[in-house]
Amino acid sequence: YRMGWFRQAPGKDLEFVAAINWGDGSTYYTDSVKGRFTISRDNAK
């Protein structure tokens, strides 16, 4: 599985923000949030 975060501002389309692979922890970000946002997971929880 891959877990993702999306956002939707008023009057705008749904926008990809970040994602993480559950298995290996690889992460992906949209350019506008790189360096500011961090996606992570807690497998036990």
All heavy atoms as atom14 arrays in JSON, in Angstrom:
{
  "sequence": "YRMGWFRQAPGKDLEFVAAINWGDGSTYYTDSVKGRFTISRDNAK",
  "atom14_mask": [
    [1, 1, 1, 1, 1, 1, 1, 1, 1, 1, 1, 1, 0, 0],
    [1, 1, 1, 1, 1, 1, 1, 1, 1, 1, 1, 0, 0, 0],
    [1, 1, 1, 1, 1, 1, 1, 1, 0, 0, 0, 0, 0, 0],
    [1, 1, 1, 1, 0, 0, 0, 0, 0, 0, 0, 0, 0, 0],
    [1, 1, 1, 1, 1, 1, 1, 1, 1, 1, 1, 1, 1, 1],
    [1, 1, 1, 1, 1, 1, 1, 1, 1, 1, 1, 0, 0, 0],
    [1, 1, 1, 1, 1, 1, 1, 1, 1, 1, 1, 0, 0, 0],
    [1, 1, 1, 1, 1, 1, 1, 1, 1, 0, 0, 0, 0, 0],
    [1, 1, 1, 1, 1, 0, 0, 0, 0, 0, 0, 0, 0, 0],
    [1, 1, 1, 1, 1, 1, 1, 0, 0, 0, 0, 0, 0, 0],
    [1, 1, 1, 1, 0, 0, 0, 0, 0, 0, 0, 0, 0, 0],
    [1, 1, 1, 1, 1, 1, 1, 1, 1, 0, 0, 0, 0, 0],
    [1, 1, 1, 1, 1, 1, 1, 1, 0, 0, 0, 0, 0, 0],
    [1, 1, 1, 1, 1, 1, 1, 1, 0, 0, 0, 0, 0, 0],
    [1, 1, 1, 1, 1, 1, 1, 1, 1, 0, 0, 0, 0, 0],
    [1, 1, 1, 1, 1, 1, 1, 1, 1, 1, 1, 0, 0, 0],
    [1, 1, 1, 1, 1, 1, 1, 0, 0, 0, 0, 0, 0, 0],
    [1, 1, 1, 1, 1, 0, 0, 0, 0, 0, 0, 0, 0, 0],
    [1, 1, 1, 1, 1, 0, 0, 0, 0, 0, 0, 0, 0, 0],
    [1, 1, 1, 1, 1, 1, 1, 1, 0, 0, 0, 0, 0, 0],
    [1, 1, 1, 1, 1, 1, 1, 1, 0, 0, 0, 0, 0, 0],
    [1, 1, 1, 1, 1, 1, 1, 1, 1, 1, 1, 1, 1, 1],
    [1, 1, 1, 1, 0, 0, 0, 0, 0, 0, 0, 0, 0, 0],
    [1, 1, 1, 1, 1, 1, 1, 1, 0, 0, 0, 0, 0, 0],
    [1, 1, 1, 1, 0, 0, 0, 0, 0, 0, 0, 0, 0, 0],
    [1, 1, 1, 1, 1, 1, 0, 0, 0, 0, 0, 0, 0, 0],
    [1, 1, 1, 1, 1, 1, 1, 0, 0, 0, 0, 0, 0, 0],
    [1, 1, 1, 1, 1, 1, 1, 1, 1, 1, 1, 1, 0, 0],
    [1, 1, 1, 1, 1, 1, 1, 1, 1, 1, 1, 1, 0, 0],
    [1, 1, 1, 1, 1, 1, 1, 0, 0, 0, 0, 0, 0, 0],
    [1, 1, 1, 1, 1, 1, 1, 1, 0, 0, 0, 0, 0, 0],
    [1, 1, 1, 1, 1, 1, 0, 0, 0, 0, 0, 0, 0, 0],
    [1, 1, 1, 1, 1, 1, 1, 0, 0, 0, 0, 0, 0, 0],
    [1, 1, 1, 1, 1, 1, 1, 1, 1, 0, 0, 0, 0, 0],
    [1, 1, 1, 1, 0, 0, 0, 0, 0, 0, 0, 0, 0, 0],
    [1, 1, 1, 1, 1, 1, 1, 1, 1, 1, 1, 0, 0, 0],
    [1, 1, 1, 1, 1, 1, 1, 1, 1, 1, 1, 0, 0, 0],
    [1, 1, 1, 1, 1, 1, 1, 0, 0, 0, 0, 0, 0, 0],
    [1, 1, 1, 1, 1, 1, 1, 1, 0, 0, 0, 0, 0, 0],
    [1, 1, 1, 1, 1, 1, 0, 0, 0, 0, 0, 0, 0, 0],
    [1, 1, 1, 1, 1, 1, 1, 1, 1, 1, 1, 0, 0, 0],
    [1, 1, 1, 1, 1, 1, 1, 1, 0, 0, 0, 0, 0, 0],
    [1, 1, 1, 1, 1, 1, 1, 1, 0, 0, 0, 0, 0, 0],
    [1, 1, 1, 1, 1, 0, 0, 0, 0, 0, 0, 0, 0, 0],
    [1, 1, 1, 1, 1, 1, 1, 1, 1, 0, 0, 0, 0, 0]
  ],
  "atom14_positions": [
    [[0.82, -1.21, 0.0], [0.0, 0.0, 0.0], [0.85, 1.26, 0.0], [1.96, 1.29, 0.51], [-0.91, 0.02, 1.22], [-2.12, -0.88, 1.15], [-2.31, -1.76, 0.1], [-3.06, -0.85, 2.16], [-3.41, -2.59, 0.05], [-4.17, -1.68, 2.13], [-4.34, -2.55, 1.07], [-5.44, -3.37, 1.04], [0.0, 0.0, 0.0], [0.0, 0.0, 0.0]],
    [[0.27, 2.33, -0.57], [0.84, 3.66, -0.47], [-0.19, 4.58, 0.17], [-1.35, 4.59, -0.23], [1.23, 4.19, -1.85], [1.81, 5.6, -1.82], [2.25, 6.05, -3.21], [3.38, 5.27, -3.71], [3.33, 4.49, -4.78], [2.23, 4.41, -5.5], [4.41, 3.81, -5.15], [0.0, 0.0, 0.0], [0.0, 0.0, 0.0], [0.0, 0.0, 0.0]],
    [[0.24, 5.33, 1.17], [-0.61, 6.28, 1.85], [-0.31, 7.67, 1.34], [0.85, 8.06, 1.24], [-0.39, 6.22, 3.36], [-0.42, 4.81, 3.96], [-2.01, 3.99, 3.72], [-3.06, 5.09, 4.68], [0.0, 0.0, 0.0], [0.0, 0.0, 0.0], [0.0, 0.0, 0.0], [0.0, 0.0, 0.0], [0.0, 0.0, 0.0], [0.0, 0.0, 0.0]],
    [[-1.35, 8.42, 1.01], [-1.17, 9.74, 0.45], [-1.96, 10.81, 1.17], [-2.97, 10.52, 1.84], [0.0, 0.0, 0.0], [0.0, 0.0, 0.0], [0.0, 0.0, 0.0], [0.0, 0.0, 0.0], [0.0, 0.0, 0.0], [0.0, 0.0, 0.0], [0.0, 0.0, 0.0], [0.0, 0.0, 0.0], [0.0, 0.0, 0.0], [0.0, 0.0, 0.0]],
    [[-1.48, 12.03, 1.07], [-2.2, 13.22, 1.53], [-2.52, 14.09, 0.33], [-1.65, 14.37, -0.5], [-1.38, 14.03, 2.54], [-1.29, 13.41, 3.9], [-0.28, 12.66, 4.4], [-2.26, 13.52, 4.95], [-0.54, 12.29, 5.69], [-1.76, 12.8, 6.05], [-3.49, 14.16, 5.07], [-2.45, 12.69, 7.26], [-4.18, 14.04, 6.26], [-3.67, 13.33, 7.34]],
    [[-3.77, 14.52, 0.26], [-4.24, 15.45, -0.75], [-4.9, 16.63, -0.06], [-5.28, 16.54, 1.11], [-5.25, 14.78, -1.69], [-4.65, 13.71, -2.57], [-4.41, 12.44, -2.07], [-4.33, 13.98, -3.88], [-3.86, 11.46, -2.88], [-3.79, 13.01, -4.71], [-3.55, 11.74, -4.2], [0.0, 0.0, 0.0], [0.0, 0.0, 0.0], [0.0, 0.0, 0.0]],
    [[-5.05, 17.73, -0.78], [-5.74, 18.88, -0.22], [-6.59, 19.54, -1.29], [-6.31, 19.45, -2.48], [-4.76, 19.89, 0.39], [-3.82, 20.54, -0.61], [-2.78, 21.37, 0.11], [-1.86, 22.04, -0.81], [-0.8, 22.73, -0.43], [-0.5, 22.84, 0.86], [-0.02, 23.3, -1.34], [0.0, 0.0, 0.0], [0.0, 0.0, 0.0], [0.0, 0.0, 0.0]],
    [[-7.64, 20.22, -0.83], [-8.52, 20.93, -1.74], [-8.85, 22.29, -1.14], [-9.5, 22.38, -0.1], [-9.8, 20.14, -2.0], [-10.67, 20.75, -3.08], [-11.75, 19.79, -3.55], [-12.28, 19.01, -2.78], [-12.06, 19.86, -4.84], [0.0, 0.0, 0.0], [0.0, 0.0, 0.0], [0.0, 0.0, 0.0], [0.0, 0.0, 0.0], [0.0, 0.0, 0.0]],
    [[-8.38, 23.33, -1.81], [-8.69, 24.69, -1.43], [-10.01, 25.11, -2.07], [-10.42, 24.54, -3.09], [-7.57, 25.63, -1.85], [0.0, 0.0, 0.0], [0.0, 0.0, 0.0], [0.0, 0.0, 0.0], [0.0, 0.0, 0.0], [0.0, 0.0, 0.0], [0.0, 0.0, 0.0], [0.0, 0.0, 0.0], [0.0, 0.0, 0.0], [0.0, 0.0, 0.0]],
    [[-10.68, 26.11, -1.51], [-11.95, 26.56, -2.09], [-11.82, 26.92, -3.56], [-10.94, 27.69, -3.94], [-12.31, 27.78, -1.24], [-11.65, 27.53, 0.07], [-10.35, 26.85, -0.28], [0.0, 0.0, 0.0], [0.0, 0.0, 0.0], [0.0, 0.0, 0.0], [0.0, 0.0, 0.0], [0.0, 0.0, 0.0], [0.0, 0.0, 0.0], [0.0, 0.0, 0.0]],
    [[-12.69, 26.36, -4.39], [-12.7, 26.66, -5.8], [-11.6, 26.02, -6.62], [-11.46, 26.33, -7.8], [0.0, 0.0, 0.0], [0.0, 0.0, 0.0], [0.0, 0.0, 0.0], [0.0, 0.0, 0.0], [0.0, 0.0, 0.0], [0.0, 0.0, 0.0], [0.0, 0.0, 0.0], [0.0, 0.0, 0.0], [0.0, 0.0, 0.0], [0.0, 0.0, 0.0]],
    [[-10.81, 25.14, -6.01], [-9.7, 24.51, -6.71], [-9.85, 23.0, -6.74], [-10.62, 22.42, -5.98], [-8.37, 24.89, -6.06], [-8.04, 26.37, -6.15], [-6.64, 26.66, -5.63], [-6.28, 28.12, -5.79], [-4.91, 28.4, -5.3], [0.0, 0.0, 0.0], [0.0, 0.0, 0.0], [0.0, 0.0, 0.0], [0.0, 0.0, 0.0], [0.0, 0.0, 0.0]],
    [[-9.1, 22.37, -7.63], [-9.12, 20.92, -7.74], [-8.37, 20.27, -6.6], [-7.55, 20.9, -5.92], [-8.5, 20.48, -9.07], [-9.32, 20.84, -10.28], [-10.55, 21.02, -10.13], [-8.74, 20.95, -11.37], [0.0, 0.0, 0.0], [0.0, 0.0, 0.0], [0.0, 0.0, 0.0], [0.0, 0.0, 0.0], [0.0, 0.0, 0.0], [0.0, 0.0, 0.0]],
    [[-8.64, 19.0, -6.41], [-7.91, 18.21, -5.44], [-6.44, 18.15, -5.86], [-6.12, 17.88, -7.02], [-8.51, 16.81, -5.38], [-8.21, 15.94, -4.17], [-8.77, 16.58, -2.91], [-8.81, 14.56, -4.37], [0.0, 0.0, 0.0], [0.0, 0.0, 0.0], [0.0, 0.0, 0.0], [0.0, 0.0, 0.0], [0.0, 0.0, 0.0], [0.0, 0.0, 0.0]],
    [[-5.53, 18.4, -4.92], [-4.11, 18.52, -5.2], [-3.32, 17.5, -4.39], [-3.5, 17.39, -3.17], [-3.62, 19.93, -4.87], [-2.13, 20.14, -5.05], [-1.63, 21.46, -4.49], [-2.33, 22.05, -3.65], [-0.54, 21.9, -4.89], [0.0, 0.0, 0.0], [0.0, 0.0, 0.0], [0.0, 0.0, 0.0], [0.0, 0.0, 0.0], [0.0, 0.0, 0.0]],
    [[-2.42, 16.81, -5.05], [-1.51, 15.91, -4.35], [-0.55, 16.7, -3.48], [-0.03, 17.73, -3.89], [-0.72, 15.07, -5.35], [0.41, 14.31, -4.73], [0.18, 13.16, -3.99], [1.72, 14.75, -4.88], [1.22, 12.46, -3.4], [2.77, 14.06, -4.31], [2.52, 12.91, -3.56], [0.0, 0.0, 0.0], [0.0, 0.0, 0.0], [0.0, 0.0, 0.0]],
    [[-0.31, 16.21, -2.26], [0.61, 16.86, -1.34], [1.82, 15.98, -1.06], [2.96, 16.4, -1.27], [-0.09, 17.21, -0.01], [0.91, 17.83, 0.97], [-1.26, 18.15, -0.25], [0.0, 0.0, 0.0], [0.0, 0.0, 0.0], [0.0, 0.0, 0.0], [0.0, 0.0, 0.0], [0.0, 0.0, 0.0], [0.0, 0.0, 0.0], [0.0, 0.0, 0.0]],
    [[1.6, 14.77, -0.57], [2.69, 13.89, -0.19], [2.19, 12.45, -0.14], [0.99, 12.21, 0.0], [3.27, 14.29, 1.18], [0.0, 0.0, 0.0], [0.0, 0.0, 0.0], [0.0, 0.0, 0.0], [0.0, 0.0, 0.0], [0.0, 0.0, 0.0], [0.0, 0.0, 0.0], [0.0, 0.0, 0.0], [0.0, 0.0, 0.0], [0.0, 0.0, 0.0]],
    [[3.12, 11.51, -0.24], [2.77, 10.1, -0.14], [3.94, 9.33, 0.44], [5.09, 9.77, 0.39], [2.39, 9.53, -1.51], [0.0, 0.0, 0.0], [0.0, 0.0, 0.0], [0.0, 0.0, 0.0], [0.0, 0.0, 0.0], [0.0, 0.0, 0.0], [0.0, 0.0, 0.0], [0.0, 0.0, 0.0], [0.0, 0.0, 0.0], [0.0, 0.0, 0.0]],
    [[3.63, 8.17, 1.0], [4.65, 7.31, 1.58], [4.3, 5.86, 1.3], [3.14, 5.45, 1.42], [4.81, 7.57, 3.1], [5.97, 6.76, 3.67], [3.52, 7.28, 3.86], [6.37, 7.2, 5.08], [0.0, 0.0, 0.0], [0.0, 0.0, 0.0], [0.0, 0.0, 0.0], [0.0, 0.0, 0.0], [0.0, 0.0, 0.0], [0.0, 0.0, 0.0]],
    [[5.3, 5.09, 0.92], [5.11, 3.66, 0.75], [5.11, 2.99, 2.12], [6.02, 3.2, 2.93], [6.23, 3.05, -0.1], [6.2, 3.52, -1.52], [5.23, 4.1, -1.98], [7.28, 3.24, -2.25], [0.0, 0.0, 0.0], [0.0, 0.0, 0.0], [0.0, 0.0, 0.0], [0.0, 0.0, 0.0], [0.0, 0.0, 0.0], [0.0, 0.0, 0.0]],
    [[4.07, 2.2, 2.39], [3.98, 1.57, 3.7], [5.11, 0.59, 3.95], [5.63, 0.5, 5.05], [2.63, 0.86, 3.85], [2.3, 0.55, 5.27], [2.35, -0.65, 5.89], [1.88, 1.5, 6.26], [1.99, -0.54, 7.2], [1.69, 0.78, 7.47], [1.64, 2.88, 6.26], [1.28, 1.4, 8.64], [1.23, 3.49, 7.43], [1.05, 2.75, 8.6]],
    [[5.52, -0.12, 2.91], [6.52, -1.16, 3.08], [7.93, -0.64, 3.29], [8.58, -0.98, 4.29], [0.0, 0.0, 0.0], [0.0, 0.0, 0.0], [0.0, 0.0, 0.0], [0.0, 0.0, 0.0], [0.0, 0.0, 0.0], [0.0, 0.0, 0.0], [0.0, 0.0, 0.0], [0.0, 0.0, 0.0], [0.0, 0.0, 0.0], [0.0, 0.0, 0.0]],
    [[8.43, 0.2, 2.39], [9.83, 0.63, 2.47], [10.02, 2.07, 2.94], [11.16, 2.51, 3.1], [10.54, 0.42, 1.13], [9.99, 1.26, 0.01], [9.22, 2.2, 0.26], [10.34, 0.97, -1.16], [0.0, 0.0, 0.0], [0.0, 0.0, 0.0], [0.0, 0.0, 0.0], [0.0, 0.0, 0.0], [0.0, 0.0, 0.0], [0.0, 0.0, 0.0]],
    [[8.94, 2.82, 3.14], [9.03, 4.17, 3.67], [9.44, 5.23, 2.67], [9.68, 6.38, 3.08], [0.0, 0.0, 0.0], [0.0, 0.0, 0.0], [0.0, 0.0, 0.0], [0.0, 0.0, 0.0], [0.0, 0.0, 0.0], [0.0, 0.0, 0.0], [0.0, 0.0, 0.0], [0.0, 0.0, 0.0], [0.0, 0.0, 0.0], [0.0, 0.0, 0.0]],
    [[9.53, 4.92, 1.4], [9.85, 5.92, 0.39], [8.81, 7.03, 0.4], [7.61, 6.76, 0.54], [9.92, 5.29, -1.0], [10.95, 4.32, -1.05], [0.0, 0.0, 0.0], [0.0, 0.0, 0.0], [0.0, 0.0, 0.0], [0.0, 0.0, 0.0], [0.0, 0.0, 0.0], [0.0, 0.0, 0.0], [0.0, 0.0, 0.0], [0.0, 0.0, 0.0]],
    [[9.26, 8.27, 0.24], [8.36, 9.41, 0.32], [8.38, 10.22, -0.97], [9.36, 10.22, -1.71], [8.73, 10.33, 1.49], [10.08, 10.77, 1.35], [8.58, 9.6, 2.81], [0.0, 0.0, 0.0], [0.0, 0.0, 0.0], [0.0, 0.0, 0.0], [0.0, 0.0, 0.0], [0.0, 0.0, 0.0], [0.0, 0.0, 0.0], [0.0, 0.0, 0.0]],
    [[7.28, 10.94, -1.19], [7.1, 11.74, -2.39], [6.38, 13.03, -1.98], [5.47, 13.0, -1.14], [6.27, 11.0, -3.43], [6.7, 9.56, -3.64], [6.18, 8.55, -2.85], [7.63, 9.23, -4.61], [6.58, 7.23, -3.02], [8.03, 7.92, -4.79], [7.51, 6.92, -4.0], [7.9, 5.62, -4.17], [0.0, 0.0, 0.0], [0.0, 0.0, 0.0]],
    [[6.76, 14.16, -2.58], [6.18, 15.45, -2.24], [5.93, 16.28, -3.49], [6.68, 16.19, -4.46], [7.1, 16.25, -1.32], [7.4, 15.6, 0.0], [8.52, 14.8, 0.16], [6.56, 15.8, 1.09], [8.8, 14.2, 1.38], [6.84, 15.21, 2.32], [7.96, 14.42, 2.45], [8.24, 13.83, 3.67], [0.0, 0.0, 0.0], [0.0, 0.0, 0.0]],
    [[4.89, 17.09, -3.43], [4.72, 18.1, -4.45], [5.72, 19.23, -4.19], [6.13, 19.46, -3.05], [3.28, 18.62, -4.47], [3.06, 19.4, -5.64], [2.98, 19.47, -3.25], [0.0, 0.0, 0.0], [0.0, 0.0, 0.0], [0.0, 0.0, 0.0], [0.0, 0.0, 0.0], [0.0, 0.0, 0.0], [0.0, 0.0, 0.0], [0.0, 0.0, 0.0]],
    [[6.14, 19.92, -5.24], [7.21, 20.89, -5.13], [6.93, 21.99, -4.1], [7.83, 22.46, -3.41], [7.5, 21.53, -6.49], [8.21, 20.6, -7.44], [8.75, 19.57, -6.98], [8.23, 20.9, -8.65], [0.0, 0.0, 0.0], [0.0, 0.0, 0.0], [0.0, 0.0, 0.0], [0.0, 0.0, 0.0], [0.0, 0.0, 0.0], [0.0, 0.0, 0.0]],
    [[5.68, 22.41, -4.0], [5.35, 23.55, -3.15], [5.53, 23.28, -1.66], [5.56, 24.23, -0.87], [3.93, 24.02, -3.43], [2.98, 23.02, -3.09], [0.0, 0.0, 0.0], [0.0, 0.0, 0.0], [0.0, 0.0, 0.0], [0.0, 0.0, 0.0], [0.0, 0.0, 0.0], [0.0, 0.0, 0.0], [0.0, 0.0, 0.0], [0.0, 0.0, 0.0]],
    [[5.64, 22.02, -1.26], [5.76, 21.71, 0.17], [7.11, 21.1, 0.52], [7.38, 20.86, 1.71], [4.64, 20.78, 0.66], [3.27, 21.34, 0.27], [4.81, 19.36, 0.12], [0.0, 0.0, 0.0], [0.0, 0.0, 0.0], [0.0, 0.0, 0.0], [0.0, 0.0, 0.0], [0.0, 0.0, 0.0], [0.0, 0.0, 0.0], [0.0, 0.0, 0.0]],
    [[7.97, 20.87, -0.44], [9.27, 20.27, -0.17], [10.08, 21.16, 0.77], [10.16, 22.37, 0.58], [10.04, 20.04, -1.47], [9.5, 18.92, -2.32], [10.3, 18.74, -3.59], [9.76, 17.59, -4.43], [10.49, 17.44, -5.72], [0.0, 0.0, 0.0], [0.0, 0.0, 0.0], [0.0, 0.0, 0.0], [0.0, 0.0, 0.0], [0.0, 0.0, 0.0]],
    [[10.66, 20.55, 1.78], [11.42, 21.29, 2.76], [10.59, 21.83, 3.9], [11.15, 22.29, 4.9], [0.0, 0.0, 0.0], [0.0, 0.0, 0.0], [0.0, 0.0, 0.0], [0.0, 0.0, 0.0], [0.0, 0.0, 0.0], [0.0, 0.0, 0.0], [0.0, 0.0, 0.0], [0.0, 0.0, 0.0], [0.0, 0.0, 0.0], [0.0, 0.0, 0.0]],
    [[9.27, 21.81, 3.77], [8.39, 22.31, 4.81], [7.53, 21.21, 5.43], [7.27, 21.24, 6.64], [7.46, 23.4, 4.27], [8.19, 24.61, 3.71], [7.23, 25.74, 3.41], [6.25, 25.36, 2.39], [4.93, 25.37, 2.57], [4.42, 25.76, 3.73], [4.12, 25.03, 1.57], [0.0, 0.0, 0.0], [0.0, 0.0, 0.0], [0.0, 0.0, 0.0]],
    [[7.07, 20.27, 4.62], [6.21, 19.19, 5.09], [7.0, 17.88, 5.14], [7.88, 17.64, 4.3], [5.02, 18.98, 4.16], [4.0, 20.09, 4.17], [4.24, 21.3, 4.79], [2.78, 19.9, 3.53], [3.29, 22.32, 4.79], [1.83, 20.91, 3.52], [2.08, 22.11, 4.14], [0.0, 0.0, 0.0], [0.0, 0.0, 0.0], [0.0, 0.0, 0.0]],
    [[6.65, 17.03, 6.09], [7.25, 15.71, 6.2], [6.15, 14.68, 6.43], [5.37, 14.8, 7.38], [8.26, 15.64, 7.35], [9.28, 16.63, 7.17], [8.91, 14.26, 7.4], [0.0, 0.0, 0.0], [0.0, 0.0, 0.0], [0.0, 0.0, 0.0], [0.0, 0.0, 0.0], [0.0, 0.0, 0.0], [0.0, 0.0, 0.0], [0.0, 0.0, 0.0]],
    [[6.11, 13.67, 5.59], [5.17, 12.57, 5.77], [5.9, 11.41, 6.44], [7.07, 11.15, 6.15], [4.53, 12.14, 4.43], [3.41, 11.13, 4.67], [5.58, 11.59, 3.47], [2.58, 10.83, 3.42], [0.0, 0.0, 0.0], [0.0, 0.0, 0.0], [0.0, 0.0, 0.0], [0.0, 0.0, 0.0], [0.0, 0.0, 0.0], [0.0, 0.0, 0.0]],
    [[5.23, 10.75, 7.35], [5.83, 9.62, 8.06], [4.74, 8.63, 8.43], [3.55, 8.9, 8.28], [6.58, 10.09, 9.31], [5.71, 10.71, 10.23], [0.0, 0.0, 0.0], [0.0, 0.0, 0.0], [0.0, 0.0, 0.0], [0.0, 0.0, 0.0], [0.0, 0.0, 0.0], [0.0, 0.0, 0.0], [0.0, 0.0, 0.0], [0.0, 0.0, 0.0]],
    [[5.16, 7.48, 8.92], [4.21, 6.45, 9.31], [4.65, 5.78, 10.6], [5.85, 5.76, 10.92], [4.07, 5.4, 8.2], [5.25, 4.42, 8.12], [5.43, 3.85, 6.75], [6.31, 2.69, 6.7], [7.63, 2.74, 6.75], [8.26, 3.91, 6.89], [8.35, 1.63, 6.65], [0.0, 0.0, 0.0], [0.0, 0.0, 0.0], [0.0, 0.0, 0.0]],
    [[3.69, 5.25, 11.32], [3.93, 4.43, 12.49], [3.22, 3.11, 12.23], [2.0, 3.01, 12.39], [3.4, 5.1, 13.76], [3.77, 4.35, 15.02], [3.96, 3.11, 14.96], [3.88, 5.0, 16.08], [0.0, 0.0, 0.0], [0.0, 0.0, 0.0], [0.0, 0.0, 0.0], [0.0, 0.0, 0.0], [0.0, 0.0, 0.0], [0.0, 0.0, 0.0]],
    [[3.98, 2.12, 11.81], [3.38, 0.85, 11.42], [2.64, 0.18, 12.57], [1.58, -0.42, 12.37], [4.46, -0.09, 10.88], [5.18, 0.46, 9.68], [5.94, 1.42, 9.77], [4.95, -0.15, 8.52], [0.0, 0.0, 0.0], [0.0, 0.0, 0.0], [0.0, 0.0, 0.0], [0.0, 0.0, 0.0], [0.0, 0.0, 0.0], [0.0, 0.0, 0.0]],
    [[3.18, 0.29, 13.78], [2.55, -0.34, 14.93], [1.2, 0.26, 15.25], [0.33, -0.42, 15.79], [3.48, -0.26, 16.14], [0.0, 0.0, 0.0], [0.0, 0.0, 0.0], [0.0, 0.0, 0.0], [0.0, 0.0, 0.0], [0.0, 0.0, 0.0], [0.0, 0.0, 0.0], [0.0, 0.0, 0.0], [0.0, 0.0, 0.0], [0.0, 0.0, 0.0]],
    [[1.01, 1.54, 14.94], [-0.24, 2.23, 15.25], [-1.15, 2.36, 14.04], [-2.23, 2.95, 14.15], [0.06, 3.62, 15.81], [0.8, 3.61, 17.14], [1.16, 5.01, 17.59], [-0.07, 5.84, 17.89], [0.28, 7.19, 18.43], [0.0, 0.0, 0.0], [0.0, 0.0, 0.0], [0.0, 0.0, 0.0], [0.0, 0.0, 0.0], [0.0, 0.0, 0.0]]
  ]
}
